[in-house]
N, C-alpha and C. Protein backbone atom coordinates (compact mmCIF):
# COMPACT_ATOMS: atom_id res chain seq x y z
N MET A 1 -5.79 -16.03 14.86
CA MET A 1 -5.13 -14.76 14.60
C MET A 1 -5.84 -14.06 13.45
N ARG A 2 -6.14 -12.79 13.65
CA ARG A 2 -6.75 -11.98 12.60
C ARG A 2 -5.64 -11.33 11.78
N ARG A 3 -5.44 -11.84 10.58
CA ARG A 3 -4.39 -11.39 9.69
C ARG A 3 -5.02 -10.79 8.44
N ALA A 4 -4.48 -9.64 8.03
CA ALA A 4 -4.98 -8.96 6.83
C ALA A 4 -3.80 -8.61 5.92
N ILE A 5 -4.11 -8.51 4.65
CA ILE A 5 -3.12 -8.12 3.65
C ILE A 5 -3.45 -6.72 3.18
N TYR A 6 -2.44 -5.86 3.12
CA TYR A 6 -2.60 -4.54 2.53
C TYR A 6 -1.70 -4.52 1.30
N PRO A 7 -2.27 -4.83 0.12
CA PRO A 7 -1.44 -4.91 -1.09
C PRO A 7 -1.38 -3.57 -1.79
N GLY A 8 -0.31 -3.38 -2.54
CA GLY A 8 -0.20 -2.16 -3.35
C GLY A 8 1.18 -2.11 -4.01
N THR A 9 1.32 -1.11 -4.87
CA THR A 9 2.60 -0.92 -5.53
C THR A 9 3.53 -0.10 -4.63
N PHE A 10 2.97 0.83 -3.90
CA PHE A 10 3.74 1.66 -2.95
C PHE A 10 4.96 2.29 -3.65
N ASP A 11 4.69 3.04 -4.70
CA ASP A 11 5.74 3.58 -5.59
C ASP A 11 5.74 5.09 -5.60
N PRO A 12 6.16 5.77 -4.52
CA PRO A 12 6.62 5.26 -3.22
C PRO A 12 5.47 5.22 -2.21
N ILE A 13 5.78 4.68 -1.03
CA ILE A 13 4.85 4.73 0.09
C ILE A 13 4.66 6.19 0.49
N THR A 14 3.44 6.56 0.85
CA THR A 14 3.14 7.93 1.24
C THR A 14 2.64 7.98 2.67
N ASN A 15 2.46 9.20 3.16
CA ASN A 15 1.87 9.35 4.50
C ASN A 15 0.44 8.84 4.54
N GLY A 16 -0.26 8.86 3.44
CA GLY A 16 -1.60 8.28 3.35
C GLY A 16 -1.57 6.79 3.55
N HIS A 17 -0.62 6.11 2.91
CA HIS A 17 -0.46 4.68 3.10
C HIS A 17 -0.15 4.35 4.58
N VAL A 18 0.77 5.12 5.15
CA VAL A 18 1.14 4.86 6.55
C VAL A 18 -0.03 5.09 7.48
N ASP A 19 -0.86 6.08 7.18
CA ASP A 19 -2.07 6.34 7.95
C ASP A 19 -2.99 5.11 7.91
N ILE A 20 -3.22 4.55 6.73
CA ILE A 20 -4.05 3.34 6.61
C ILE A 20 -3.42 2.19 7.39
N ILE A 21 -2.12 2.00 7.26
CA ILE A 21 -1.43 0.93 7.96
C ILE A 21 -1.57 1.08 9.48
N GLN A 22 -1.38 2.30 9.96
CA GLN A 22 -1.46 2.54 11.41
C GLN A 22 -2.87 2.23 11.91
N ARG A 23 -3.86 2.67 11.21
CA ARG A 23 -5.24 2.45 11.67
C ARG A 23 -5.62 0.97 11.54
N ALA A 24 -5.19 0.30 10.48
CA ALA A 24 -5.48 -1.11 10.28
C ALA A 24 -4.76 -1.94 11.34
N SER A 25 -3.59 -1.47 11.78
CA SER A 25 -2.80 -2.23 12.77
C SER A 25 -3.52 -2.35 14.11
N THR A 26 -4.48 -1.45 14.38
CA THR A 26 -5.25 -1.54 15.60
C THR A 26 -6.44 -2.47 15.49
N MET A 27 -6.78 -2.85 14.26
CA MET A 27 -7.94 -3.69 14.01
C MET A 27 -7.60 -5.18 13.86
N PHE A 28 -6.34 -5.46 13.53
CA PHE A 28 -5.92 -6.81 13.22
C PHE A 28 -4.68 -7.19 14.03
N ASP A 29 -4.51 -8.48 14.23
CA ASP A 29 -3.33 -8.96 14.95
C ASP A 29 -2.07 -8.78 14.11
N GLU A 30 -2.20 -8.98 12.81
CA GLU A 30 -1.06 -8.82 11.91
C GLU A 30 -1.52 -8.24 10.59
N ILE A 31 -0.74 -7.29 10.08
CA ILE A 31 -0.95 -6.73 8.79
C ILE A 31 0.27 -7.09 7.95
N ILE A 32 0.01 -7.69 6.80
CA ILE A 32 1.08 -8.00 5.86
C ILE A 32 0.99 -6.98 4.74
N VAL A 33 1.95 -6.09 4.67
CA VAL A 33 1.99 -5.13 3.60
C VAL A 33 2.69 -5.83 2.43
N ALA A 34 1.91 -6.08 1.39
CA ALA A 34 2.39 -6.84 0.23
C ALA A 34 2.68 -5.88 -0.91
N VAL A 35 3.97 -5.73 -1.19
CA VAL A 35 4.41 -4.81 -2.25
C VAL A 35 4.41 -5.54 -3.59
N ALA A 36 3.58 -5.09 -4.49
CA ALA A 36 3.42 -5.78 -5.78
C ALA A 36 4.53 -5.41 -6.77
N GLN A 37 5.04 -6.38 -7.46
CA GLN A 37 6.02 -6.15 -8.52
C GLN A 37 5.39 -5.24 -9.57
N ASN A 38 4.26 -5.63 -10.10
CA ASN A 38 3.40 -4.84 -11.02
C ASN A 38 4.15 -4.06 -12.08
N GLN A 39 4.82 -4.74 -12.97
CA GLN A 39 5.54 -4.08 -14.05
C GLN A 39 4.59 -3.35 -15.01
N SER A 40 3.33 -3.71 -15.06
CA SER A 40 2.40 -3.02 -15.96
C SER A 40 2.24 -1.54 -15.59
N LYS A 41 2.49 -1.21 -14.32
CA LYS A 41 2.41 0.19 -13.90
C LYS A 41 3.75 0.95 -14.12
N LYS A 42 4.75 0.22 -14.56
CA LYS A 42 6.09 0.81 -14.82
C LYS A 42 6.58 1.60 -13.60
N PRO A 43 6.80 0.93 -12.49
CA PRO A 43 7.19 1.66 -11.26
C PRO A 43 8.49 2.43 -11.43
N MET A 44 8.57 3.57 -10.71
CA MET A 44 9.76 4.39 -10.72
C MET A 44 10.88 3.71 -9.91
N PHE A 45 10.50 3.05 -8.82
CA PHE A 45 11.46 2.45 -7.91
C PHE A 45 11.40 0.94 -8.07
N SER A 46 12.54 0.29 -7.89
CA SER A 46 12.61 -1.18 -7.98
C SER A 46 11.79 -1.81 -6.86
N LEU A 47 11.45 -3.07 -7.05
CA LEU A 47 10.69 -3.77 -6.01
C LEU A 47 11.48 -3.78 -4.70
N ASP A 48 12.78 -4.08 -4.75
CA ASP A 48 13.58 -4.13 -3.53
C ASP A 48 13.60 -2.76 -2.84
N LYS A 49 13.70 -1.69 -3.63
CA LYS A 49 13.73 -0.34 -3.05
C LYS A 49 12.39 -0.01 -2.38
N ARG A 50 11.28 -0.38 -3.06
CA ARG A 50 9.96 -0.13 -2.50
C ARG A 50 9.76 -0.92 -1.20
N ILE A 51 10.18 -2.18 -1.19
CA ILE A 51 10.08 -2.97 0.05
C ILE A 51 10.87 -2.32 1.16
N SER A 52 12.09 -1.90 0.84
CA SER A 52 12.96 -1.24 1.85
C SER A 52 12.29 0.04 2.40
N MET A 53 11.71 0.84 1.52
CA MET A 53 11.07 2.08 1.97
C MET A 53 9.84 1.79 2.85
N VAL A 54 9.09 0.74 2.49
CA VAL A 54 7.91 0.39 3.30
C VAL A 54 8.38 -0.12 4.67
N LYS A 55 9.44 -0.94 4.69
CA LYS A 55 9.95 -1.44 5.98
C LYS A 55 10.42 -0.28 6.87
N LYS A 56 11.15 0.66 6.30
CA LYS A 56 11.60 1.82 7.05
C LYS A 56 10.42 2.60 7.63
N SER A 57 9.40 2.77 6.78
CA SER A 57 8.25 3.59 7.17
C SER A 57 7.32 2.96 8.18
N THR A 58 7.45 1.63 8.34
CA THR A 58 6.53 0.90 9.24
C THR A 58 7.26 0.24 10.40
N LYS A 59 8.54 0.54 10.57
CA LYS A 59 9.31 -0.16 11.62
C LYS A 59 8.82 0.11 13.05
N CYS A 60 8.06 1.17 13.23
CA CYS A 60 7.56 1.47 14.56
C CYS A 60 6.34 0.64 14.95
N PHE A 61 5.78 -0.12 14.00
CA PHE A 61 4.61 -0.94 14.27
C PHE A 61 5.06 -2.38 14.51
N SER A 62 4.65 -2.93 15.63
CA SER A 62 5.09 -4.28 16.01
C SER A 62 4.39 -5.41 15.25
N ASN A 63 3.24 -5.13 14.67
CA ASN A 63 2.45 -6.18 14.05
C ASN A 63 2.39 -6.08 12.52
N ILE A 64 3.41 -5.45 11.93
CA ILE A 64 3.47 -5.27 10.49
C ILE A 64 4.60 -6.13 9.92
N LYS A 65 4.29 -6.84 8.86
CA LYS A 65 5.29 -7.61 8.11
C LYS A 65 5.24 -7.09 6.68
N VAL A 66 6.38 -6.94 6.03
CA VAL A 66 6.45 -6.41 4.67
C VAL A 66 7.05 -7.48 3.76
N ILE A 67 6.37 -7.77 2.65
CA ILE A 67 6.86 -8.74 1.69
C ILE A 67 6.67 -8.19 0.28
N GLY A 68 7.36 -8.77 -0.67
CA GLY A 68 7.11 -8.50 -2.06
C GLY A 68 6.34 -9.66 -2.66
N PHE A 69 5.57 -9.39 -3.73
CA PHE A 69 4.88 -10.48 -4.40
C PHE A 69 4.67 -10.18 -5.87
N ASN A 70 4.53 -11.27 -6.64
CA ASN A 70 4.31 -11.17 -8.08
C ASN A 70 3.36 -12.30 -8.49
N SER A 71 2.17 -12.27 -7.92
CA SER A 71 1.19 -13.32 -8.19
C SER A 71 -0.20 -12.72 -8.04
N LEU A 72 -1.20 -13.57 -8.27
CA LEU A 72 -2.55 -13.13 -7.99
C LEU A 72 -2.73 -12.94 -6.47
N LEU A 73 -3.46 -11.91 -6.11
CA LEU A 73 -3.72 -11.64 -4.70
C LEU A 73 -4.42 -12.84 -4.02
N VAL A 74 -5.30 -13.50 -4.73
CA VAL A 74 -5.99 -14.66 -4.11
C VAL A 74 -5.01 -15.77 -3.82
N ASN A 75 -4.02 -15.96 -4.67
CA ASN A 75 -3.00 -16.98 -4.41
C ASN A 75 -2.13 -16.58 -3.18
N LEU A 76 -1.79 -15.30 -3.13
CA LEU A 76 -1.02 -14.82 -1.99
C LEU A 76 -1.83 -15.00 -0.69
N SER A 77 -3.12 -14.73 -0.75
CA SER A 77 -3.94 -14.89 0.46
C SER A 77 -3.94 -16.34 0.94
N ASP A 78 -3.92 -17.29 0.00
CA ASP A 78 -3.82 -18.71 0.38
C ASP A 78 -2.49 -19.01 1.02
N GLU A 79 -1.38 -18.51 0.44
CA GLU A 79 -0.07 -18.73 0.97
C GLU A 79 0.09 -18.17 2.39
N LEU A 80 -0.53 -17.02 2.64
CA LEU A 80 -0.38 -16.32 3.93
C LEU A 80 -1.48 -16.68 4.92
N ASP A 81 -2.45 -17.47 4.48
CA ASP A 81 -3.59 -17.80 5.35
C ASP A 81 -4.25 -16.52 5.86
N ALA A 82 -4.54 -15.63 4.91
CA ALA A 82 -5.18 -14.36 5.23
C ALA A 82 -6.32 -14.11 4.26
N ASN A 83 -7.52 -13.98 4.78
CA ASN A 83 -8.70 -13.80 3.93
C ASN A 83 -9.31 -12.42 4.00
N ILE A 84 -8.50 -11.46 4.46
CA ILE A 84 -8.98 -10.07 4.52
C ILE A 84 -7.99 -9.21 3.78
N VAL A 85 -8.51 -8.40 2.86
CA VAL A 85 -7.70 -7.45 2.10
C VAL A 85 -8.10 -6.04 2.52
N ILE A 86 -7.13 -5.22 2.79
CA ILE A 86 -7.35 -3.82 3.14
C ILE A 86 -7.02 -2.98 1.92
N ARG A 87 -7.90 -2.08 1.60
CA ARG A 87 -7.67 -1.15 0.47
C ARG A 87 -8.04 0.25 0.95
N GLY A 88 -7.21 1.21 0.59
CA GLY A 88 -7.50 2.60 0.88
C GLY A 88 -8.25 3.24 -0.26
N ILE A 89 -9.22 4.07 0.07
CA ILE A 89 -9.93 4.81 -0.97
C ILE A 89 -9.99 6.28 -0.57
N ARG A 90 -9.69 7.13 -1.53
CA ARG A 90 -9.68 8.59 -1.28
C ARG A 90 -10.90 9.26 -1.88
N ALA A 91 -11.37 8.75 -3.00
CA ALA A 91 -12.46 9.44 -3.75
C ALA A 91 -13.35 8.40 -4.40
N VAL A 92 -14.43 8.88 -4.97
CA VAL A 92 -15.37 8.00 -5.66
C VAL A 92 -14.67 7.21 -6.78
N SER A 93 -13.75 7.84 -7.47
CA SER A 93 -13.02 7.18 -8.57
C SER A 93 -12.23 5.97 -8.01
N ASP A 94 -11.60 6.13 -6.87
CA ASP A 94 -10.90 5.00 -6.25
C ASP A 94 -11.88 3.88 -5.91
N PHE A 95 -13.02 4.28 -5.37
CA PHE A 95 -14.01 3.29 -4.94
C PHE A 95 -14.49 2.44 -6.10
N GLU A 96 -14.75 3.07 -7.22
CA GLU A 96 -15.24 2.37 -8.39
C GLU A 96 -14.25 1.25 -8.81
N TYR A 97 -12.99 1.59 -8.90
CA TYR A 97 -11.98 0.61 -9.30
C TYR A 97 -11.83 -0.46 -8.24
N GLU A 98 -11.71 -0.03 -6.97
CA GLU A 98 -11.49 -1.01 -5.87
C GLU A 98 -12.69 -1.90 -5.71
N PHE A 99 -13.87 -1.39 -5.89
CA PHE A 99 -15.09 -2.17 -5.81
C PHE A 99 -15.06 -3.29 -6.85
N GLN A 100 -14.70 -2.97 -8.09
CA GLN A 100 -14.57 -3.99 -9.13
C GLN A 100 -13.52 -5.03 -8.80
N MET A 101 -12.38 -4.57 -8.31
CA MET A 101 -11.30 -5.50 -7.95
C MET A 101 -11.73 -6.42 -6.79
N GLY A 102 -12.42 -5.85 -5.83
CA GLY A 102 -12.90 -6.64 -4.70
C GLY A 102 -13.84 -7.75 -5.16
N TYR A 103 -14.75 -7.40 -6.08
CA TYR A 103 -15.66 -8.42 -6.64
C TYR A 103 -14.92 -9.44 -7.47
N ALA A 104 -13.95 -8.99 -8.26
CA ALA A 104 -13.19 -9.93 -9.07
C ALA A 104 -12.43 -10.92 -8.19
N ASN A 105 -11.83 -10.44 -7.11
CA ASN A 105 -11.12 -11.32 -6.17
C ASN A 105 -12.11 -12.28 -5.52
N ALA A 106 -13.28 -11.78 -5.11
CA ALA A 106 -14.28 -12.62 -4.48
C ALA A 106 -14.79 -13.68 -5.44
N SER A 107 -14.80 -13.38 -6.72
CA SER A 107 -15.26 -14.37 -7.70
C SER A 107 -14.25 -15.52 -7.81
N LEU A 108 -13.01 -15.23 -7.50
CA LEU A 108 -11.95 -16.26 -7.51
C LEU A 108 -11.82 -17.00 -6.19
N LYS A 109 -12.21 -16.31 -5.12
CA LYS A 109 -12.12 -16.92 -3.78
C LYS A 109 -13.19 -16.27 -2.90
N LYS A 110 -14.28 -16.99 -2.73
CA LYS A 110 -15.44 -16.39 -2.03
C LYS A 110 -15.15 -16.01 -0.58
N GLU A 111 -14.16 -16.66 0.05
CA GLU A 111 -13.84 -16.33 1.45
C GLU A 111 -13.05 -15.02 1.60
N LEU A 112 -12.54 -14.48 0.50
CA LEU A 112 -11.73 -13.29 0.55
C LEU A 112 -12.60 -12.05 0.68
N GLU A 113 -12.43 -11.34 1.80
CA GLU A 113 -13.18 -10.11 2.08
C GLU A 113 -12.30 -8.90 1.88
N THR A 114 -12.87 -7.85 1.27
CA THR A 114 -12.15 -6.59 1.09
C THR A 114 -12.76 -5.55 2.02
N ILE A 115 -11.89 -4.88 2.76
CA ILE A 115 -12.29 -3.82 3.66
C ILE A 115 -11.71 -2.51 3.14
N PHE A 116 -12.54 -1.50 2.99
CA PHE A 116 -12.09 -0.21 2.51
C PHE A 116 -11.92 0.74 3.68
N LEU A 117 -10.77 1.40 3.72
CA LEU A 117 -10.49 2.42 4.73
C LEU A 117 -10.21 3.74 4.03
N MET A 118 -10.79 4.79 4.53
CA MET A 118 -10.48 6.12 4.00
C MET A 118 -9.31 6.65 4.81
N PRO A 119 -8.37 7.33 4.15
CA PRO A 119 -7.29 7.95 4.92
C PRO A 119 -7.85 9.12 5.75
N SER A 120 -7.13 9.51 6.76
CA SER A 120 -7.52 10.69 7.50
C SER A 120 -7.59 11.88 6.53
N LEU A 121 -8.43 12.82 6.84
CA LEU A 121 -8.68 13.95 5.94
C LEU A 121 -7.40 14.64 5.47
N GLU A 122 -6.43 14.79 6.36
CA GLU A 122 -5.20 15.51 6.00
C GLU A 122 -4.40 14.79 4.93
N TYR A 123 -4.67 13.49 4.70
CA TYR A 123 -3.93 12.70 3.72
C TYR A 123 -4.78 12.34 2.50
N ALA A 124 -6.01 12.81 2.45
CA ALA A 124 -6.95 12.36 1.41
C ALA A 124 -6.51 12.71 -0.02
N PHE A 125 -5.69 13.72 -0.16
CA PHE A 125 -5.28 14.11 -1.52
C PHE A 125 -3.98 13.48 -1.97
N ILE A 126 -3.30 12.79 -1.08
CA ILE A 126 -1.97 12.27 -1.38
C ILE A 126 -2.06 10.98 -2.15
N SER A 127 -1.23 10.86 -3.19
CA SER A 127 -1.10 9.59 -3.91
C SER A 127 0.36 9.47 -4.35
N SER A 128 0.76 8.24 -4.60
CA SER A 128 2.12 7.99 -5.11
C SER A 128 2.33 8.70 -6.42
N SER A 129 1.32 8.71 -7.27
CA SER A 129 1.49 9.36 -8.60
C SER A 129 1.71 10.86 -8.43
N ILE A 130 1.10 11.50 -7.45
CA ILE A 130 1.36 12.94 -7.21
C ILE A 130 2.81 13.11 -6.80
N VAL A 131 3.31 12.25 -5.92
CA VAL A 131 4.70 12.35 -5.51
C VAL A 131 5.60 12.19 -6.72
N ARG A 132 5.37 11.17 -7.52
CA ARG A 132 6.20 10.92 -8.70
C ARG A 132 6.14 12.09 -9.69
N SER A 133 4.98 12.72 -9.83
CA SER A 133 4.88 13.83 -10.78
C SER A 133 5.61 15.08 -10.29
N LEU A 134 5.82 15.23 -9.02
CA LEU A 134 6.55 16.38 -8.47
C LEU A 134 8.07 16.22 -8.56
N LEU A 135 8.54 14.99 -8.52
CA LEU A 135 9.97 14.74 -8.48
C LEU A 135 10.79 15.32 -9.63
N PRO A 136 10.37 15.18 -10.89
CA PRO A 136 11.20 15.74 -11.96
C PRO A 136 11.36 17.26 -11.90
N PHE A 137 10.47 17.91 -11.18
CA PHE A 137 10.49 19.39 -11.11
C PHE A 137 11.02 19.88 -9.77
N ASN A 138 11.63 18.97 -9.00
CA ASN A 138 12.12 19.31 -7.65
C ASN A 138 11.03 19.89 -6.77
N GLY A 139 9.78 19.43 -6.97
CA GLY A 139 8.67 19.90 -6.18
C GLY A 139 8.80 19.43 -4.73
N LYS A 140 8.19 20.14 -3.84
CA LYS A 140 8.23 19.82 -2.42
C LYS A 140 7.40 18.56 -2.13
N ILE A 141 8.03 17.54 -1.53
CA ILE A 141 7.30 16.32 -1.21
C ILE A 141 7.41 15.99 0.27
N GLU A 142 8.11 16.79 1.05
CA GLU A 142 8.36 16.49 2.46
C GLU A 142 7.10 16.25 3.27
N HIS A 143 6.03 16.87 2.87
CA HIS A 143 4.75 16.72 3.62
C HIS A 143 3.92 15.54 3.11
N LEU A 144 4.40 14.86 2.07
CA LEU A 144 3.64 13.78 1.43
C LEU A 144 4.15 12.38 1.76
N VAL A 145 5.42 12.29 2.13
CA VAL A 145 6.03 10.98 2.36
C VAL A 145 6.65 10.93 3.76
N PRO A 146 6.83 9.74 4.31
CA PRO A 146 7.50 9.63 5.61
C PRO A 146 8.91 10.22 5.57
N HIS A 147 9.29 11.00 6.56
CA HIS A 147 10.58 11.65 6.58
C HIS A 147 11.74 10.63 6.51
N CYS A 148 11.54 9.48 7.05
CA CYS A 148 12.61 8.46 7.09
C CYS A 148 13.00 7.93 5.71
N ILE A 149 12.16 8.16 4.69
CA ILE A 149 12.51 7.69 3.36
C ILE A 149 12.75 8.83 2.37
N LEU A 150 12.68 10.05 2.83
CA LEU A 150 12.82 11.20 1.94
C LEU A 150 14.15 11.16 1.18
N SER A 151 15.24 10.88 1.86
CA SER A 151 16.51 10.81 1.15
C SER A 151 16.59 9.67 0.16
N ASP A 152 15.94 8.56 0.45
CA ASP A 152 15.87 7.43 -0.48
C ASP A 152 15.16 7.83 -1.77
N ILE A 153 14.10 8.56 -1.64
CA ILE A 153 13.32 9.01 -2.80
C ILE A 153 14.11 10.01 -3.59
N LEU A 154 14.69 11.00 -2.94
CA LEU A 154 15.36 12.08 -3.63
C LEU A 154 16.62 11.64 -4.35
N LYS A 155 17.32 10.67 -3.79
CA LYS A 155 18.56 10.23 -4.47
C LYS A 155 18.29 9.36 -5.70
N ASP A 156 17.11 8.80 -5.82
CA ASP A 156 16.77 7.94 -6.95
C ASP A 156 15.89 8.59 -7.99
N ARG A 157 15.63 9.86 -7.85
CA ARG A 157 14.71 10.48 -8.84
C ARG A 157 15.33 10.70 -10.18
């Protein structure tokens, strides 16, 4: 079975994330979307809320599993028997960071491969931080996040 992990904070999940998940789901038998606790990023939404929003946003995909985690990615990959990591990159700045993280993970576990996917052009500008920055000002986010979680996001802002 070809299993891959798509890790991230998903605070909140965006249409760009869903685009990556959809495209990756055609390449692998199973995609495990691993929602990171990551308190260092000071997430706006709780881990349980982020997991719930990812599950709602991906329920139409039959080969997606959503979990939370609070460990090293290499340890999670051992637990899940998955040696492929999917990362989305939008710009050169994303690539620089993700490239370093990919090498750091490979230094800890040489079998762990990182695959970079670019979002479709229409989603290339979307990020969770953009969504979070619009919320305090009642900015329009309907075009940035899956419609099925819009009310979840708006009631918790």
